[in-house]
N, C-alpha and C. Protein backbone atom coordinates (compact mmCIF):
# COMPACT_ATOMS: atom_id res chain seq x y z
N MET A 1 3.99 -2.89 22.75
CA MET A 1 4.14 -3.63 21.46
C MET A 1 4.26 -2.75 20.28
N GLU A 2 3.45 -1.69 20.23
CA GLU A 2 3.42 -0.83 19.11
C GLU A 2 4.86 -0.08 18.96
N LYS A 3 5.36 0.23 20.13
CA LYS A 3 6.68 0.88 20.12
C LYS A 3 7.75 0.02 19.61
N HIS A 4 7.73 -1.37 19.90
CA HIS A 4 8.62 -2.32 19.34
C HIS A 4 8.42 -2.46 17.83
N LEU A 5 7.18 -2.44 17.36
CA LEU A 5 6.88 -2.55 15.96
C LEU A 5 7.49 -1.35 15.28
N ASN A 6 7.28 -0.14 15.76
CA ASN A 6 7.81 1.09 15.23
C ASN A 6 9.30 1.01 15.06
N MET A 7 9.96 0.44 16.08
CA MET A 7 11.43 0.33 16.07
C MET A 7 11.84 -0.64 14.92
N GLN A 8 11.07 -1.68 14.75
CA GLN A 8 11.41 -2.61 13.69
C GLN A 8 11.23 -2.00 12.33
N ILE A 9 10.15 -1.23 12.15
CA ILE A 9 9.95 -0.59 10.85
C ILE A 9 11.03 0.47 10.63
N GLN A 10 11.46 1.15 11.60
CA GLN A 10 12.52 2.18 11.50
C GLN A 10 13.78 1.50 11.05
N LYS A 11 14.13 0.26 11.58
CA LYS A 11 15.34 -0.44 11.27
C LYS A 11 15.24 -0.92 9.76
N ILE A 12 14.13 -1.42 9.40
CA ILE A 12 13.89 -1.89 8.03
C ILE A 12 14.05 -0.75 7.08
N ASN A 13 13.50 0.48 7.44
CA ASN A 13 13.67 1.68 6.59
C ASN A 13 15.16 2.08 6.44
N VAL A 14 15.88 1.91 7.51
CA VAL A 14 17.34 2.24 7.39
C VAL A 14 18.02 1.26 6.41
N ILE A 15 17.68 0.00 6.50
CA ILE A 15 18.25 -1.01 5.59
C ILE A 15 17.85 -0.76 4.16
N LEU A 16 16.60 -0.34 3.93
CA LEU A 16 16.09 -0.02 2.59
C LEU A 16 16.85 1.19 2.11
N LYS A 17 17.07 2.19 2.92
CA LYS A 17 17.83 3.35 2.49
C LYS A 17 19.19 2.99 2.11
N GLU A 18 19.86 2.07 2.80
CA GLU A 18 21.18 1.63 2.49
C GLU A 18 21.21 0.89 1.15
N ILE A 19 20.19 0.06 0.91
CA ILE A 19 20.13 -0.69 -0.39
C ILE A 19 19.94 0.28 -1.49
N LYS A 20 19.06 1.34 -1.35
CA LYS A 20 18.84 2.36 -2.30
C LYS A 20 20.16 3.01 -2.67
N ALA A 21 20.97 3.41 -1.65
CA ALA A 21 22.26 4.04 -1.90
C ALA A 21 23.24 3.12 -2.55
N LYS A 22 23.34 1.88 -2.05
CA LYS A 22 24.34 0.91 -2.57
C LYS A 22 24.07 0.63 -4.06
N TYR A 23 22.81 0.47 -4.41
CA TYR A 23 22.50 0.10 -5.87
C TYR A 23 22.07 1.30 -6.67
N ARG A 24 22.20 2.47 -6.06
CA ARG A 24 21.88 3.76 -6.77
C ARG A 24 20.52 3.69 -7.41
N LEU A 25 19.56 3.19 -6.66
CA LEU A 25 18.23 3.06 -7.22
C LEU A 25 17.61 4.52 -7.35
N LYS A 26 16.95 4.66 -8.53
CA LYS A 26 16.41 6.02 -8.84
C LYS A 26 14.87 5.98 -8.56
N VAL A 27 14.56 5.63 -7.28
CA VAL A 27 13.24 5.69 -6.79
C VAL A 27 13.16 6.84 -5.77
N GLN A 28 11.98 7.48 -5.81
CA GLN A 28 11.82 8.56 -4.83
C GLN A 28 11.60 8.03 -3.45
N ASN A 29 10.62 7.17 -3.32
CA ASN A 29 10.19 6.65 -2.05
C ASN A 29 10.55 5.15 -1.95
N PHE A 30 11.29 4.78 -1.01
CA PHE A 30 11.68 3.40 -0.86
C PHE A 30 11.72 3.13 0.67
N SER A 31 10.56 2.75 1.13
CA SER A 31 10.36 2.51 2.56
C SER A 31 9.36 1.39 2.84
N CYS A 32 9.15 1.00 3.99
CA CYS A 32 8.13 0.00 4.30
C CYS A 32 6.74 0.45 3.78
N TYR A 33 6.50 1.69 4.06
CA TYR A 33 5.17 2.25 3.66
C TYR A 33 5.06 2.23 2.14
N SER A 34 6.05 2.64 1.43
CA SER A 34 5.97 2.67 -0.01
C SER A 34 5.80 1.25 -0.61
N LEU A 35 6.48 0.29 -0.03
CA LEU A 35 6.39 -1.11 -0.44
C LEU A 35 4.98 -1.61 -0.21
N ARG A 36 4.39 -1.28 0.94
CA ARG A 36 3.01 -1.66 1.29
C ARG A 36 2.07 -1.02 0.34
N LYS A 37 2.25 0.24 0.02
CA LYS A 37 1.39 0.93 -0.89
C LYS A 37 1.49 0.32 -2.34
N THR A 38 2.70 -0.01 -2.73
CA THR A 38 2.94 -0.66 -4.08
C THR A 38 2.13 -1.95 -4.14
N PHE A 39 2.28 -2.78 -3.07
CA PHE A 39 1.53 -4.05 -2.99
C PHE A 39 0.01 -3.79 -3.06
N GLY A 40 -0.45 -2.79 -2.39
CA GLY A 40 -1.89 -2.53 -2.40
C GLY A 40 -2.33 -2.16 -3.86
N ARG A 41 -1.56 -1.35 -4.48
CA ARG A 41 -1.87 -0.94 -5.90
C ARG A 41 -1.88 -2.20 -6.84
N GLN A 42 -0.96 -3.10 -6.62
CA GLN A 42 -0.86 -4.31 -7.49
C GLN A 42 -2.16 -5.13 -7.23
N VAL A 43 -2.58 -5.24 -6.01
CA VAL A 43 -3.81 -6.04 -5.71
C VAL A 43 -4.94 -5.31 -6.34
N TYR A 44 -5.04 -4.05 -6.18
CA TYR A 44 -6.09 -3.23 -6.81
C TYR A 44 -6.18 -3.35 -8.31
N ASN A 45 -5.00 -3.31 -8.92
CA ASN A 45 -4.90 -3.31 -10.42
C ASN A 45 -5.27 -4.67 -11.00
N GLN A 46 -5.34 -5.69 -10.16
CA GLN A 46 -5.88 -6.97 -10.70
C GLN A 46 -7.39 -6.99 -10.91
N ASN A 47 -8.01 -5.81 -10.66
CA ASN A 47 -9.45 -5.60 -10.88
C ASN A 47 -10.31 -6.65 -10.15
N SER A 48 -9.86 -7.06 -9.01
CA SER A 48 -10.66 -7.91 -8.20
C SER A 48 -11.91 -7.12 -7.79
N GLU A 49 -13.10 -7.77 -7.88
CA GLU A 49 -14.28 -7.11 -7.52
C GLU A 49 -14.29 -6.55 -6.10
N LEU A 50 -13.68 -7.18 -5.23
CA LEU A 50 -13.66 -6.74 -3.78
C LEU A 50 -12.31 -6.34 -3.34
N ALA A 51 -11.45 -5.88 -4.27
CA ALA A 51 -10.05 -5.55 -3.91
C ALA A 51 -9.93 -4.54 -2.73
N LEU A 52 -10.72 -3.44 -2.77
CA LEU A 52 -10.63 -2.48 -1.74
C LEU A 52 -10.98 -3.05 -0.43
N VAL A 53 -12.05 -3.92 -0.36
CA VAL A 53 -12.46 -4.52 0.92
C VAL A 53 -11.36 -5.48 1.41
N LYS A 54 -10.78 -6.28 0.45
CA LYS A 54 -9.75 -7.19 0.88
C LYS A 54 -8.56 -6.42 1.34
N LEU A 55 -8.17 -5.34 0.70
CA LEU A 55 -7.07 -4.57 1.20
C LEU A 55 -7.34 -3.87 2.51
N MET A 56 -8.53 -3.43 2.74
CA MET A 56 -8.96 -2.86 3.93
C MET A 56 -8.66 -3.79 5.17
N GLU A 57 -9.12 -5.08 4.92
CA GLU A 57 -8.97 -6.07 6.00
C GLU A 57 -7.52 -6.36 6.20
N LEU A 58 -6.73 -6.56 5.06
CA LEU A 58 -5.34 -6.92 5.10
C LEU A 58 -4.54 -5.89 5.90
N PHE A 59 -4.81 -4.67 5.48
CA PHE A 59 -4.05 -3.53 6.14
C PHE A 59 -4.55 -3.08 7.49
N ASN A 60 -5.71 -3.79 7.90
CA ASN A 60 -6.29 -3.48 9.22
C ASN A 60 -6.76 -2.05 9.30
N HIS A 61 -7.35 -1.54 8.22
CA HIS A 61 -7.90 -0.24 8.13
C HIS A 61 -9.33 -0.33 8.74
N SER A 62 -9.85 0.80 9.33
CA SER A 62 -11.20 0.83 9.93
C SER A 62 -12.31 1.07 8.84
N SER A 63 -11.83 1.50 7.61
CA SER A 63 -12.89 1.73 6.61
C SER A 63 -12.22 1.70 5.24
N VAL A 64 -13.06 1.51 4.23
CA VAL A 64 -12.59 1.48 2.87
C VAL A 64 -12.08 2.86 2.47
N ALA A 65 -12.69 3.95 3.07
CA ALA A 65 -12.15 5.34 2.83
C ALA A 65 -10.66 5.42 3.14
N ILE A 66 -10.22 4.88 4.20
CA ILE A 66 -8.78 4.95 4.56
C ILE A 66 -7.98 4.10 3.50
N THR A 67 -8.50 3.05 3.07
CA THR A 67 -7.73 2.24 2.08
C THR A 67 -7.67 3.00 0.72
N LYS A 68 -8.66 3.81 0.43
CA LYS A 68 -8.65 4.51 -0.85
C LYS A 68 -7.45 5.49 -0.87
N ARG A 69 -6.84 5.81 0.27
CA ARG A 69 -5.68 6.69 0.27
C ARG A 69 -4.47 6.09 -0.34
N LEU A 70 -4.58 5.02 -0.99
CA LEU A 70 -3.48 4.35 -1.61
C LEU A 70 -2.89 5.18 -2.76
N GLY A 71 -3.63 6.29 -3.03
CA GLY A 71 -3.18 7.10 -4.12
C GLY A 71 -3.91 6.77 -5.44
N LEU A 72 -5.03 6.13 -5.29
CA LEU A 72 -5.81 5.79 -6.44
C LEU A 72 -6.53 6.99 -7.00
N ARG A 73 -6.60 7.14 -8.27
CA ARG A 73 -7.27 8.24 -8.91
C ARG A 73 -8.78 7.92 -8.70
N GLN A 74 -9.55 9.01 -8.62
CA GLN A 74 -11.05 8.79 -8.42
C GLN A 74 -11.68 8.01 -9.45
N GLU A 75 -11.28 8.17 -10.71
CA GLU A 75 -11.99 7.39 -11.75
C GLU A 75 -11.63 5.91 -11.64
N GLU A 76 -10.45 5.52 -11.12
CA GLU A 76 -10.11 4.15 -10.90
C GLU A 76 -11.07 3.52 -9.89
N ILE A 77 -11.30 4.34 -8.83
CA ILE A 77 -12.17 3.86 -7.73
C ILE A 77 -13.55 3.73 -8.20
N LEU A 78 -14.02 4.67 -8.99
CA LEU A 78 -15.39 4.50 -9.59
C LEU A 78 -15.50 3.30 -10.47
N GLN A 79 -14.45 2.98 -11.26
CA GLN A 79 -14.47 1.83 -12.13
C GLN A 79 -14.56 0.55 -11.33
N ALA A 80 -13.85 0.52 -10.20
CA ALA A 80 -13.90 -0.62 -9.30
C ALA A 80 -15.32 -0.85 -8.76
N TYR A 81 -15.97 0.16 -8.33
CA TYR A 81 -17.31 0.08 -7.85
C TYR A 81 -18.27 -0.32 -9.00
N ASP A 82 -18.07 0.25 -10.19
CA ASP A 82 -18.89 -0.16 -11.34
C ASP A 82 -18.78 -1.58 -11.70
N SER A 83 -17.61 -2.20 -11.46
CA SER A 83 -17.41 -3.61 -11.84
C SER A 83 -18.01 -4.58 -10.80
N LEU A 84 -18.43 -4.08 -9.69
CA LEU A 84 -19.10 -4.97 -8.75
C LEU A 84 -20.42 -5.44 -9.19
N SER A 85 -20.70 -6.74 -9.02
CA SER A 85 -22.00 -7.22 -9.45
C SER A 85 -22.80 -7.61 -8.23
N PHE A 86 -23.97 -7.09 -8.18
CA PHE A 86 -24.80 -7.43 -6.97
C PHE A 86 -25.95 -8.31 -7.38
């Protein structure tokens, strides 16, 4: 099943590359992964108190530490934790 999923992702990445070329998009990264990462950053930027936990579950990550690899700067992560109310 995982092999089939990887083949689908590869096909989508080929299509995205064609779209990028056709429309001369000036983006560095345009792939399934970059779209997923952009989505994650948008959810995080909404300053939801539990954004990292929600993203961890959505992305099926085993820990919040893996989810933090979205490219978030350390101070943004600390602000998210500071905004949590217990």
